[in-house]
Amino acid sequence: MIHFVLHDAKDTVAVVVVEGVKAGMALNGWIMDEDRMTRLEALQDIPIGHKVALADMAAGDTVIKYGIDMGRVVAPIQAGQHAHVHNIKTKRW
């Protein structure tokens, strides 16, 4: 089963594509551009459609999704944690 999807192997977040992701679950992810799988442990519950962090990130780091800059980290994030508006903000304002 695929739990999350990312486009580029350099992405730092991926989209959860199933319901019921709970802390402690082993997750399978599909890297679309390379048509290969990757694995990650969920450190928190993550709702469908939300992002999971693929790498540890510090405040001020750039978040990469779909191979592009999609914002900056405002609170530390560990790989496997829920990445959303509480720890990522746009750089536009």
PDB file of N, CA and C in Angstrom:
ATOM      1  N   MET A   1       0.843  -1.183   0.000  1.00  0.00           N
ATOM      2  CA  MET A   1       0.000   0.000   0.000  1.00  0.00           C
ATOM      3  C   MET A   1       0.887   1.244   0.000  1.00  0.00           C
ATOM      4  N   ILE A   2       0.506   2.239  -0.781  1.00  0.00           N
ATOM      5  CA  ILE A   2       1.203   3.523  -0.803  1.00  0.00           C
ATOM      6  C   ILE A   2       0.495   4.465   0.168  1.00  0.00           C
ATOM      7  N   HIS A   3       1.263   5.049   1.099  1.00  0.00           N
ATOM      8  CA  HIS A   3       0.722   5.968   2.098  1.00  0.00           C
ATOM      9  C   HIS A   3       0.970   7.435   1.750  1.00  0.00           C
ATOM     10  N   PHE A   4       2.077   7.700   1.055  1.00  0.00           N
ATOM     11  CA  PHE A   4       2.387   9.085   0.680  1.00  0.00           C
ATOM     12  C   PHE A   4       3.043   9.119  -0.693  1.00  0.00           C
ATOM     13  N   VAL A   5       2.945  10.297  -1.336  1.00  0.00           N
ATOM     14  CA  VAL A   5       3.477  10.477  -2.694  1.00  0.00           C
ATOM     15  C   VAL A   5       4.319  11.741  -2.732  1.00  0.00           C
ATOM     16  N   LEU A   6       5.455  11.651  -3.416  1.00  0.00           N
ATOM     17  CA  LEU A   6       6.282  12.814  -3.690  1.00  0.00           C
ATOM     18  C   LEU A   6       6.703  12.770  -5.142  1.00  0.00           C
ATOM     19  N   HIS A   7       6.965  13.926  -5.705  1.00  0.00           N
ATOM     20  CA  HIS A   7       7.327  13.989  -7.123  1.00  0.00           C
ATOM     21  C   HIS A   7       8.818  13.836  -7.349  1.00  0.00           C
ATOM     22  N   ASP A   8       9.613  14.446  -6.526  1.00  0.00           N
ATOM     23  CA  ASP A   8      11.054  14.541  -6.736  1.00  0.00           C
ATOM     24  C   ASP A   8      11.769  13.972  -5.512  1.00  0.00           C
ATOM     25  N   ALA A   9      12.808  13.195  -5.721  1.00  0.00           N
ATOM     26  CA  ALA A   9      13.547  12.587  -4.604  1.00  0.00           C
ATOM     27  C   ALA A   9      14.165  13.640  -3.684  1.00  0.00           C
ATOM     28  N   LYS A  10      14.288  14.887  -4.157  1.00  0.00           N
ATOM     29  CA  LYS A  10      14.849  15.970  -3.335  1.00  0.00           C
ATOM     30  C   LYS A  10      13.787  16.690  -2.510  1.00  0.00           C
ATOM     31  N   ASP A  11      12.510  16.320  -2.674  1.00  0.00           N
ATOM     32  CA  ASP A  11      11.440  16.925  -1.874  1.00  0.00           C
ATOM     33  C   ASP A  11      11.697  16.665  -0.395  1.00  0.00           C
ATOM     34  N   THR A  12      11.330  17.639   0.437  1.00  0.00           N
ATOM     35  CA  THR A  12      11.492  17.474   1.886  1.00  0.00           C
ATOM     36  C   THR A  12      10.164  17.167   2.574  1.00  0.00           C
ATOM     37  N   VAL A  13       9.064  17.237   1.812  1.00  0.00           N
ATOM     38  CA  VAL A  13       7.745  16.844   2.311  1.00  0.00           C
ATOM     39  C   VAL A  13       7.030  16.059   1.220  1.00  0.00           C
ATOM     40  N   ALA A  14       6.056  15.253   1.634  1.00  0.00           N
ATOM     41  CA  ALA A  14       5.241  14.486   0.696  1.00  0.00           C
ATOM     42  C   ALA A  14       3.792  14.537   1.157  1.00  0.00           C
ATOM     43  N   VAL A  15       2.869  14.224   0.272  1.00  0.00           N
ATOM     44  CA  VAL A  15       1.445  14.269   0.572  1.00  0.00           C
ATOM     45  C   VAL A  15       0.953  12.891   1.003  1.00  0.00           C
ATOM     46  N   VAL A  16       0.276  12.844   2.136  1.00  0.00           N
ATOM     47  CA  VAL A  16      -0.348  11.614   2.623  1.00  0.00           C
ATOM     48  C   VAL A  16      -1.599  11.365   1.779  1.00  0.00           C
ATOM     49  N   VAL A  17      -1.715  10.162   1.229  1.00  0.00           N
ATOM     50  CA  VAL A  17      -2.801   9.866   0.288  1.00  0.00           C
ATOM     51  C   VAL A  17      -3.788   8.814   0.801  1.00  0.00           C
ATOM     52  N   VAL A  18      -3.701   8.473   2.075  1.00  0.00           N
ATOM     53  CA  VAL A  18      -4.648   7.527   2.673  1.00  0.00           C
ATOM     54  C   VAL A  18      -5.119   8.065   4.019  1.00  0.00           C
ATOM     55  N   GLU A  19      -6.281   7.603   4.446  1.00  0.00           N
ATOM     56  CA  GLU A  19      -6.780   7.958   5.774  1.00  0.00           C
ATOM     57  C   GLU A  19      -6.182   7.023   6.813  1.00  0.00           C
ATOM     58  N   GLY A  20      -6.106   7.504   8.032  1.00  0.00           N
ATOM     59  CA  GLY A  20      -5.732   6.643   9.142  1.00  0.00           C
ATOM     60  C   GLY A  20      -4.251   6.532   9.428  1.00  0.00           C
ATOM     61  N   VAL A  21      -3.426   7.480   8.964  1.00  0.00           N
ATOM     62  CA  VAL A  21      -1.998   7.437   9.301  1.00  0.00           C
ATOM     63  C   VAL A  21      -1.853   7.816  10.774  1.00  0.00           C
ATOM     64  N   LYS A  22      -1.288   6.914  11.547  1.00  0.00           N
ATOM     65  CA  LYS A  22      -1.133   7.081  12.990  1.00  0.00           C
ATOM     66  C   LYS A  22       0.343   7.041  13.374  1.00  0.00           C
ATOM     67  N   ALA A  23       0.663   7.717  14.461  1.00  0.00           N
ATOM     68  CA  ALA A  23       2.036   7.711  14.981  1.00  0.00           C
ATOM     69  C   ALA A  23       2.511   6.280  15.160  1.00  0.00           C
ATOM     70  N   GLY A  24       3.748   6.018  14.721  1.00  0.00           N
ATOM     71  CA  GLY A  24       4.337   4.698  14.859  1.00  0.00           C
ATOM     72  C   GLY A  24       4.163   3.801  13.648  1.00  0.00           C
ATOM     73  N   MET A  25       3.313   4.195  12.702  1.00  0.00           N
ATOM     74  CA  MET A  25       3.095   3.385  11.503  1.00  0.00           C
ATOM     75  C   MET A  25       4.303   3.438  10.579  1.00  0.00           C
ATOM     76  N   ALA A  26       4.613   2.319   9.964  1.00  0.00           N
ATOM     77  CA  ALA A  26       5.603   2.276   8.889  1.00  0.00           C
ATOM     78  C   ALA A  26       4.875   2.676   7.609  1.00  0.00           C
ATOM     79  N   LEU A  27       5.381   3.702   6.941  1.00  0.00           N
ATOM     80  CA  LEU A  27       4.724   4.230   5.753  1.00  0.00           C
ATOM     81  C   LEU A  27       5.526   3.932   4.503  1.00  0.00           C
ATOM     82  N   ASN A  28       4.827   3.627   3.425  1.00  0.00           N
ATOM     83  CA  ASN A  28       5.436   3.426   2.111  1.00  0.00           C
ATOM     84  C   ASN A  28       5.132   4.640   1.258  1.00  0.00           C
ATOM     85  N   GLY A  29       6.155   5.151   0.591  1.00  0.00           N
ATOM     86  CA  GLY A  29       5.979   6.302  -0.278  1.00  0.00           C
ATOM     87  C   GLY A  29       6.454   6.018  -1.678  1.00  0.00           C
ATOM     88  N   TRP A  30       5.805   6.669  -2.641  1.00  0.00           N
ATOM     89  CA  TRP A  30       6.152   6.514  -4.046  1.00  0.00           C
ATOM     90  C   TRP A  30       6.780   7.804  -4.550  1.00  0.00           C
ATOM     91  N   ILE A  31       8.004   7.718  -5.060  1.00  0.00           N
ATOM     92  CA  ILE A  31       8.681   8.849  -5.682  1.00  0.00           C
ATOM     93  C   ILE A  31       8.330   8.784  -7.164  1.00  0.00           C
ATOM     94  N   MET A  32       7.448   9.666  -7.603  1.00  0.00           N
ATOM     95  CA  MET A  32       6.883   9.589  -8.952  1.00  0.00           C
ATOM     96  C   MET A  32       7.936   9.738 -10.049  1.00  0.00           C
ATOM     97  N   ASP A  33       8.813  10.753  -9.938  1.00  0.00           N
ATOM     98  CA  ASP A  33       9.787  11.022 -11.003  1.00  0.00           C
ATOM     99  C   ASP A  33      10.742   9.861 -11.249  1.00  0.00           C
ATOM    100  N   GLU A  34      10.978   9.054 -10.222  1.00  0.00           N
ATOM    101  CA  GLU A  34      11.914   7.930 -10.350  1.00  0.00           C
ATOM    102  C   GLU A  34      11.211   6.583 -10.351  1.00  0.00           C
ATOM    103  N   ASP A  35       9.906   6.591 -10.182  1.00  0.00           N
ATOM    104  CA  ASP A  35       9.095   5.376 -10.095  1.00  0.00           C
ATOM    105  C   ASP A  35       9.742   4.354  -9.166  1.00  0.00           C
ATOM    106  N   ARG A  36      10.006   4.826  -7.941  1.00  0.00           N
ATOM    107  CA  ARG A  36      10.552   3.912  -6.929  1.00  0.00           C
ATOM    108  C   ARG A  36       9.913   4.219  -5.584  1.00  0.00           C
ATOM    109  N   MET A  37      10.079   3.289  -4.669  1.00  0.00           N
ATOM    110  CA  MET A  37       9.468   3.389  -3.350  1.00  0.00           C
ATOM    111  C   MET A  37      10.482   3.840  -2.311  1.00  0.00           C
ATOM    112  N   THR A  38       9.968   4.429  -1.233  1.00  0.00           N
ATOM    113  CA  THR A  38      10.763   4.798  -0.076  1.00  0.00           C
ATOM    114  C   THR A  38       9.935   4.503   1.159  1.00  0.00           C
ATOM    115  N   ARG A  39      10.576   4.469   2.324  1.00  0.00           N
ATOM    116  CA  ARG A  39       9.862   4.147   3.577  1.00  0.00           C
ATOM    117  C   ARG A  39      10.160   5.200   4.623  1.00  0.00           C
ATOM    118  N   LEU A  40       9.241   5.344   5.565  1.00  0.00           N
ATOM    119  CA  LEU A  40       9.353   6.341   6.624  1.00  0.00           C
ATOM    120  C   LEU A  40       8.437   5.928   7.762  1.00  0.00           C
ATOM    121  N   GLU A  41       8.828   6.223   8.983  1.00  0.00           N
ATOM    122  CA  GLU A  41       7.942   5.988  10.127  1.00  0.00           C
ATOM    123  C   GLU A  41       7.226   7.274  10.488  1.00  0.00           C
ATOM    124  N   ALA A  42       5.914   7.210  10.645  1.00  0.00           N
ATOM    125  CA  ALA A  42       5.125   8.367  11.073  1.00  0.00           C
ATOM    126  C   ALA A  42       5.388   8.610  12.552  1.00  0.00           C
ATOM    127  N   LEU A  43       5.755   9.836  12.887  1.00  0.00           N
ATOM    128  CA  LEU A  43       5.970  10.195  14.298  1.00  0.00           C
ATOM    129  C   LEU A  43       4.724  10.799  14.925  1.00  0.00           C
ATOM    130  N   GLN A  44       3.763  11.184  14.074  1.00  0.00           N
ATOM    131  CA  GLN A  44       2.512  11.775  14.540  1.00  0.00           C
ATOM    132  C   GLN A  44       1.382  11.270  13.650  1.00  0.00           C
ATOM    133  N   ASP A  45       0.145  11.412  14.124  1.00  0.00           N
ATOM    134  CA  ASP A  45      -1.012  11.172  13.267  1.00  0.00           C
ATOM    135  C   ASP A  45      -1.006  12.250  12.185  1.00  0.00           C
ATOM    136  N   ILE A  46      -1.296  11.866  10.940  1.00  0.00           N
ATOM    137  CA  ILE A  46      -1.298  12.827   9.837  1.00  0.00           C
ATOM    138  C   ILE A  46      -2.546  12.601   9.001  1.00  0.00           C
ATOM    139  N   PRO A  47      -3.374  13.642   8.842  1.00  0.00           N
ATOM    140  CA  PRO A  47      -4.601  13.494   8.053  1.00  0.00           C
ATOM    141  C   PRO A  47      -4.322  13.334   6.560  1.00  0.00           C
ATOM    142  N   ILE A  48      -5.225  12.677   5.866  1.00  0.00           N
ATOM    143  CA  ILE A  48      -5.130  12.548   4.427  1.00  0.00           C
ATOM    144  C   ILE A  48      -5.076  13.941   3.799  1.00  0.00           C
ATOM    145  N   GLY A  49      -4.234  14.105   2.785  1.00  0.00           N
ATOM    146  CA  GLY A  49      -4.096  15.384   2.099  1.00  0.00           C
ATOM    147  C   GLY A  49      -3.098  16.327   2.727  1.00  0.00           C
ATOM    148  N   HIS A  50      -2.647  16.003   3.934  1.00  0.00           N
ATOM    149  CA  HIS A  50      -1.654  16.835   4.606  1.00  0.00           C
ATOM    150  C   HIS A  50      -0.253  16.310   4.283  1.00  0.00           C
ATOM    151  N   LYS A  51       0.760  17.062   4.692  1.00  0.00           N
ATOM    152  CA  LYS A  51       2.141  16.708   4.368  1.00  0.00           C
ATOM    153  C   LYS A  51       2.815  15.977   5.516  1.00  0.00           C
ATOM    154  N   VAL A  52       3.703  15.069   5.156  1.00  0.00           N
ATOM    155  CA  VAL A  52       4.596  14.417   6.104  1.00  0.00           C
ATOM    156  C   VAL A  52       6.009  14.881   5.761  1.00  0.00           C
ATOM    157  N   ALA A  53       6.789  15.207   6.788  1.00  0.00           N
ATOM    158  CA  ALA A  53       8.179  15.623   6.576  1.00  0.00           C
ATOM    159  C   ALA A  53       9.023  14.404   6.233  1.00  0.00           C
ATOM    160  N   LEU A  54       9.872  14.558   5.245  1.00  0.00           N
ATOM    161  CA  LEU A  54      10.756  13.471   4.808  1.00  0.00           C
ATOM    162  C   LEU A  54      12.164  13.630   5.356  1.00  0.00           C
ATOM    163  N   ALA A  55      12.454  14.809   5.895  1.00  0.00           N
ATOM    164  CA  ALA A  55      13.781  15.116   6.419  1.00  0.00           C
ATOM    165  C   ALA A  55      13.622  15.991   7.649  1.00  0.00           C
ATOM    166  N   ASP A  56      14.614  15.957   8.540  1.00  0.00           N
ATOM    167  CA  ASP A  56      14.629  16.889   9.654  1.00  0.00           C
ATOM    168  C   ASP A  56      14.872  18.284   9.093  1.00  0.00           C
ATOM    169  N   MET A  57      14.120  19.270   9.595  1.00  0.00           N
ATOM    170  CA  MET A  57      14.267  20.651   9.134  1.00  0.00           C
ATOM    171  C   MET A  57      14.243  21.590  10.323  1.00  0.00           C
ATOM    172  N   ALA A  58      15.084  22.613  10.264  1.00  0.00           N
ATOM    173  CA  ALA A  58      15.174  23.618  11.321  1.00  0.00           C
ATOM    174  C   ALA A  58      14.424  24.877  10.899  1.00  0.00           C
ATOM    175  N   ALA A  59      14.061  25.702  11.869  1.00  0.00           N
ATOM    176  CA  ALA A  59      13.426  26.983  11.570  1.00  0.00           C
ATOM    177  C   ALA A  59      14.300  27.754  10.589  1.00  0.00           C
ATOM    178  N   GLY A  60      13.656  28.294   9.553  1.00  0.00           N
ATOM    179  CA  GLY A  60      14.366  29.036   8.519  1.00  0.00           C
ATOM    180  C   GLY A  60      14.692  28.212   7.287  1.00  0.00           C
ATOM    181  N   ASP A  61      14.650  26.887   7.387  1.00  0.00           N
ATOM    182  CA  ASP A  61      14.920  26.031   6.222  1.00  0.00           C
ATOM    183  C   ASP A  61      13.820  26.194   5.169  1.00  0.00           C
ATOM    184  N   THR A  62      14.176  25.947   3.928  1.00  0.00           N
ATOM    185  CA  THR A  62      13.224  25.963   2.829  1.00  0.00           C
ATOM    186  C   THR A  62      12.579  24.587   2.690  1.00  0.00           C
ATOM    187  N   VAL A  63      11.272  24.576   2.494  1.00  0.00           N
ATOM    188  CA  VAL A  63      10.518  23.344   2.290  1.00  0.00           C
ATOM    189  C   VAL A  63      10.370  23.130   0.782  1.00  0.00           C
ATOM    190  N   ILE A  64      10.713  21.932   0.317  1.00  0.00           N
ATOM    191  CA  ILE A  64      10.627  21.603  -1.099  1.00  0.00           C
ATOM    192  C   ILE A  64       9.508  20.579  -1.311  1.00  0.00           C
ATOM    193  N   LYS A  65       8.583  20.926  -2.217  1.00  0.00           N
ATOM    194  CA  LYS A  65       7.474  20.044  -2.586  1.00  0.00           C
ATOM    195  C   LYS A  65       7.306  20.155  -4.095  1.00  0.00           C
ATOM    196  N   TYR A  66       7.113  19.044  -4.789  1.00  0.00           N
ATOM    197  CA  TYR A  66       7.026  19.018  -6.250  1.00  0.00           C
ATOM    198  C   TYR A  66       8.298  19.580  -6.887  1.00  0.00           C
ATOM    199  N   GLY A  67       9.419  19.497  -6.170  1.00  0.00           N
ATOM    200  CA  GLY A  67      10.689  19.982  -6.687  1.00  0.00           C
ATOM    201  C   GLY A  67      10.860  21.489  -6.625  1.00  0.00           C
ATOM    202  N   ILE A  68       9.925  22.193  -5.959  1.00  0.00           N
ATOM    203  CA  ILE A  68      10.027  23.653  -5.890  1.00  0.00           C
ATOM    204  C   ILE A  68       9.907  24.148  -4.443  1.00  0.00           C
ATOM    205  N   ASP A  69      10.367  25.370  -4.216  1.00  0.00           N
ATOM    206  CA  ASP A  69      10.287  26.034  -2.914  1.00  0.00           C
ATOM    207  C   ASP A  69       8.822  26.337  -2.622  1.00  0.00           C
ATOM    208  N   MET A  70       8.284  25.773  -1.528  1.00  0.00           N
ATOM    209  CA  MET A  70       6.887  26.041  -1.200  1.00  0.00           C
ATOM    210  C   MET A  70       6.717  26.736   0.153  1.00  0.00           C
ATOM    211  N   GLY A  71       7.828  27.155   0.765  1.00  0.00           N
ATOM    212  CA  GLY A  71       7.707  27.876   2.025  1.00  0.00           C
ATOM    213  C   GLY A  71       8.926  27.713   2.898  1.00  0.00           C
ATOM    214  N   ARG A  72       8.791  28.233   4.126  1.00  0.00           N
ATOM    215  CA  ARG A  72       9.897  28.134   5.080  1.00  0.00           C
ATOM    216  C   ARG A  72       9.398  27.535   6.387  1.00  0.00           C
ATOM    217  N   VAL A  73      10.291  26.846   7.038  1.00  0.00           N
ATOM    218  CA  VAL A  73      10.000  26.217   8.320  1.00  0.00           C
ATOM    219  C   VAL A  73      10.013  27.296   9.408  1.00  0.00           C
ATOM    220  N   VAL A  74       8.980  27.322  10.256  1.00  0.00           N
ATOM    221  CA  VAL A  74       8.911  28.290  11.349  1.00  0.00           C
ATOM    222  C   VAL A  74       9.055  27.629  12.727  1.00  0.00           C
ATOM    223  N   ALA A  75       9.016  26.312  12.766  1.00  0.00           N
ATOM    224  CA  ALA A  75       9.253  25.546  13.996  1.00  0.00           C
ATOM    225  C   ALA A  75       9.917  24.238  13.566  1.00  0.00           C
ATOM    226  N   PRO A  76      10.880  23.743  14.333  1.00  0.00           N
ATOM    227  CA  PRO A  76      11.599  22.527  13.927  1.00  0.00           C
ATOM    228  C   PRO A  76      10.644  21.374  13.590  1.00  0.00           C
ATOM    229  N   ILE A  77      11.020  20.619  12.572  1.00  0.00           N
ATOM    230  CA  ILE A  77      10.227  19.468  12.117  1.00  0.00           C
ATOM    231  C   ILE A  77      11.167  18.274  11.983  1.00  0.00           C
ATOM    232  N   GLN A  78      10.749  17.125  12.470  1.00  0.00           N
ATOM    233  CA  GLN A  78      11.515  15.895  12.306  1.00  0.00           C
ATOM    234  C   GLN A  78      10.906  15.064  11.179  1.00  0.00           C
ATOM    235  N   ALA A  79      11.742  14.290  10.516  1.00  0.00           N
ATOM    236  CA  ALA A  79      11.250  13.359   9.499  1.00  0.00           C
ATOM    237  C   ALA A  79      10.181  12.471  10.133  1.00  0.00           C
ATOM    238  N   GLY A  80       9.024  12.365   9.481  1.00  0.00           N
ATOM    239  CA  GLY A  80       7.921  11.571   9.989  1.00  0.00           C
ATOM    240  C   GLY A  80       6.854  12.377  10.696  1.00  0.00           C
ATOM    241  N   GLN A  81       7.109  13.676  10.929  1.00  0.00           N
ATOM    242  CA  GLN A  81       6.124  14.522  11.594  1.00  0.00           C
ATOM    243  C   GLN A  81       5.177  15.175  10.593  1.00  0.00           C
ATOM    244  N   HIS A  82       4.046  15.621  11.116  1.00  0.00           N
ATOM    245  CA  HIS A  82       3.042  16.349  10.361  1.00  0.00           C
ATOM    246  C   HIS A  82       3.619  17.719   9.994  1.00  0.00           C
ATOM    247  N   ALA A  83       3.655  18.039   8.715  1.00  0.00           N
ATOM    248  CA  ALA A  83       4.153  19.324   8.218  1.00  0.00           C
ATOM    249  C   ALA A  83       2.964  20.101   7.673  1.00  0.00           C
ATOM    250  N   HIS A  84       2.625  21.206   8.336  1.00  0.00           N
ATOM    251  CA  HIS A  84       1.411  21.951   7.974  1.00  0.00           C
ATOM    252  C   HIS A  84       1.573  23.402   8.420  1.00  0.00           C
ATOM    253  N   VAL A  85       0.478  24.133   8.522  1.00  0.00           N
ATOM    254  CA  VAL A  85       0.531  25.564   8.815  1.00  0.00           C
ATOM    255  C   VAL A  85       1.097  25.892  10.199  1.00  0.00           C
ATOM    256  N   HIS A  86       1.160  24.938  11.091  1.00  0.00           N
ATOM    257  CA  HIS A  86       1.719  25.189  12.426  1.00  0.00           C
ATOM    258  C   HIS A  86       3.249  25.219  12.416  1.00  0.00           C
ATOM    259  N   ASN A  87       3.874  24.684  11.369  1.00  0.00           N
ATOM    260  CA  ASN A  87       5.347  24.691  11.323  1.00  0.00           C
ATOM    261  C   ASN A  87       5.922  25.109   9.964  1.00  0.00           C
ATOM    262  N   ILE A  88       5.062  25.459   9.004  1.00  0.00           N
ATOM    263  CA  ILE A  88       5.500  25.950   7.687  1.00  0.00           C
ATOM    264  C   ILE A  88       4.667  27.171   7.313  1.00  0.00           C
ATOM    265  N   LYS A  89       5.318  28.185   6.791  1.00  0.00           N
ATOM    266  CA  LYS A  89       4.629  29.395   6.321  1.00  0.00           C
ATOM    267  C   LYS A  89       5.133  29.749   4.925  1.00  0.00           C
ATOM    268  N   THR A  90       4.311  30.444   4.180  1.00  0.00           N
ATOM    269  CA  THR A  90       4.715  30.943   2.870  1.00  0.00           C
ATOM    270  C   THR A  90       5.805  31.999   3.032  1.00  0.00           C
ATOM    271  N   LYS A  91       6.609  32.187   2.018  1.00  0.00           N
ATOM    272  CA  LYS A  91       7.626  33.238   2.023  1.00  0.00           C
ATOM    273  C   LYS A  91       7.077  34.534   1.425  1.00  0.00           C
ATOM    274  N   ARG A  92       5.839  34.497   0.974  1.00  0.00           N
ATOM    275  CA  ARG A  92       5.247  35.667   0.308  1.00  0.00           C
ATOM    276  C   ARG A  92       4.980  36.815   1.274  1.00  0.00           C
ATOM    277  N   TRP A  93       4.657  36.533   2.510  1.00  0.00           N
ATOM    278  CA  TRP A  93       4.394  37.581   3.498  1.00  0.00           C
ATOM    279  C   TRP A  93       4.726  37.113   4.868  1.00  0.00           C
TER     280      TRP A  93
END
